[in-house]
């Protein structure tokens, strides 16, 4: 992977990887950054929003 400039990366709120800020999408609920790889995998919500919306298992 290429080295990213210090101000050019954001941490994906779904997988935790640092990716280019211009190559991502917002969470459908809260708008935090989700990387393009997660988006291609079908992830549309960040980890926190997914956990908040999933009912506890019995």
C-alpha atoms as a PDB file:
ATOM      1  CA  UNK A   1       0.000   0.000   0.000  1.00  0.00           C
ATOM      2  CA  UNK A   2       1.214   3.507  -0.639  1.00  0.00           C
ATOM      3  CA  UNK A   3       2.145   5.846   2.173  1.00  0.00           C
ATOM      4  CA  UNK A   4      -0.590   8.352   2.847  1.00  0.00           C
ATOM      5  CA  UNK A   5       0.092  11.968   3.647  1.00  0.00           C
ATOM      6  CA  UNK A   6      -0.671  12.742   7.293  1.00  0.00           C
ATOM      7  CA  UNK A   7      -3.800  14.766   6.588  1.00  0.00           C
ATOM      8  CA  UNK A   8      -5.080  12.634   3.714  1.00  0.00           C
ATOM      9  CA  UNK A   9      -6.382   9.592   5.558  1.00  0.00           C
ATOM     10  CA  UNK A  10      -9.385   8.724   7.685  1.00  0.00           C
ATOM     11  CA  UNK A  11     -10.082   5.663   9.801  1.00  0.00           C
ATOM     12  CA  UNK A  12     -12.925   3.538   8.466  1.00  0.00           C
ATOM     13  CA  UNK A  13     -15.580   3.233  11.192  1.00  0.00           C
ATOM     14  CA  UNK A  14     -16.544  -0.241   9.972  1.00  0.00           C
ATOM     15  CA  UNK A  15     -13.204  -2.074   9.597  1.00  0.00           C
ATOM     16  CA  UNK A  16     -10.742   0.284  11.311  1.00  0.00           C
ATOM     17  CA  UNK A  17      -8.333   0.643   8.369  1.00  0.00           C
ATOM     18  CA  UNK A  18      -6.820   3.999   7.455  1.00  0.00           C
ATOM     19  CA  UNK A  19      -7.873   4.864   3.920  1.00  0.00           C
ATOM     20  CA  UNK A  20      -7.815   7.937   1.668  1.00  0.00           C
ATOM     21  CA  UNK A  21     -10.481  10.367   2.770  1.00  0.00           C
ATOM     22  CA  UNK A  22     -11.614  10.966  -0.794  1.00  0.00           C
ATOM     23  CA  UNK A  23     -12.222   7.244  -1.360  1.00  0.00           C
ATOM     24  CA  UNK A  24     -15.100   6.443   0.938  1.00  0.00           C
ATOM     25  CA  UNK A  25     -18.755   6.883   1.747  1.00  0.00           C
ATOM     26  CA  UNK A  26     -20.727   8.131   4.764  1.00  0.00           C
ATOM     27  CA  UNK A  27     -22.543   5.832   7.190  1.00  0.00           C
ATOM     28  CA  UNK A  28     -26.261   5.795   6.320  1.00  0.00           C
ATOM     29  CA  UNK A  29     -27.211   6.665   9.913  1.00  0.00           C
ATOM     30  CA  UNK A  30     -24.597   8.996  11.368  1.00  0.00           C
ATOM     31  CA  UNK A  31     -22.437  10.052   8.401  1.00  0.00           C
ATOM     32  CA  UNK A  32     -19.061   8.810   9.669  1.00  0.00           C
ATOM     33  CA  UNK A  33     -16.488   7.554   7.147  1.00  0.00           C
ATOM     34  CA  UNK A  34     -16.757   4.056   5.649  1.00  0.00           C
ATOM     35  CA  UNK A  35     -13.995   3.014   3.231  1.00  0.00           C
ATOM     36  CA  UNK A  36     -14.663   2.000  -0.360  1.00  0.00           C
ATOM     37  CA  UNK A  37     -13.658  -1.635   0.329  1.00  0.00           C
ATOM     38  CA  UNK A  38     -16.313  -1.993   3.041  1.00  0.00           C
ATOM     39  CA  UNK A  39     -18.825  -0.266   0.790  1.00  0.00           C
ATOM     40  CA  UNK A  40     -18.073  -2.739  -2.009  1.00  0.00           C
ATOM     41  CA  UNK A  41     -18.660  -5.545   0.499  1.00  0.00           C
ATOM     42  CA  UNK A  42     -22.120  -4.146   1.206  1.00  0.00           C
ATOM     43  CA  UNK A  43     -21.388  -2.338   4.473  1.00  0.00           C
ATOM     44  CA  UNK A  44     -23.579   0.768   4.720  1.00  0.00           C
ATOM     45  CA  UNK A  45     -23.439   1.465   8.472  1.00  0.00           C
ATOM     46  CA  UNK A  46     -20.510   1.983  10.836  1.00  0.00           C
ATOM     47  CA  UNK A  47     -19.756  -0.465  13.620  1.00  0.00           C
ATOM     48  CA  UNK A  48     -21.455   1.677  16.286  1.00  0.00           C
ATOM     49  CA  UNK A  49     -24.694   2.114  14.306  1.00  0.00           C
ATOM     50  CA  UNK A  50     -24.796  -1.595  13.450  1.00  0.00           C
ATOM     51  CA  UNK A  51     -24.340  -2.536  17.103  1.00  0.00           C
ATOM     52  CA  UNK A  52     -27.005  -0.064  18.234  1.00  0.00           C
ATOM     53  CA  UNK A  53     -29.565  -1.378  15.767  1.00  0.00           C
ATOM     54  CA  UNK A  54     -28.950  -5.111  16.274  1.00  0.00           C
ATOM     55  CA  UNK A  55     -31.250  -6.548  18.950  1.00  0.00           C
ATOM     56  CA  UNK A  56     -29.499  -8.518  21.711  1.00  0.00           C
ATOM     57  CA  UNK A  57     -29.413 -12.274  21.108  1.00  0.00           C
ATOM     58  CA  UNK A  58     -31.351 -14.466  23.525  1.00  0.00           C
END
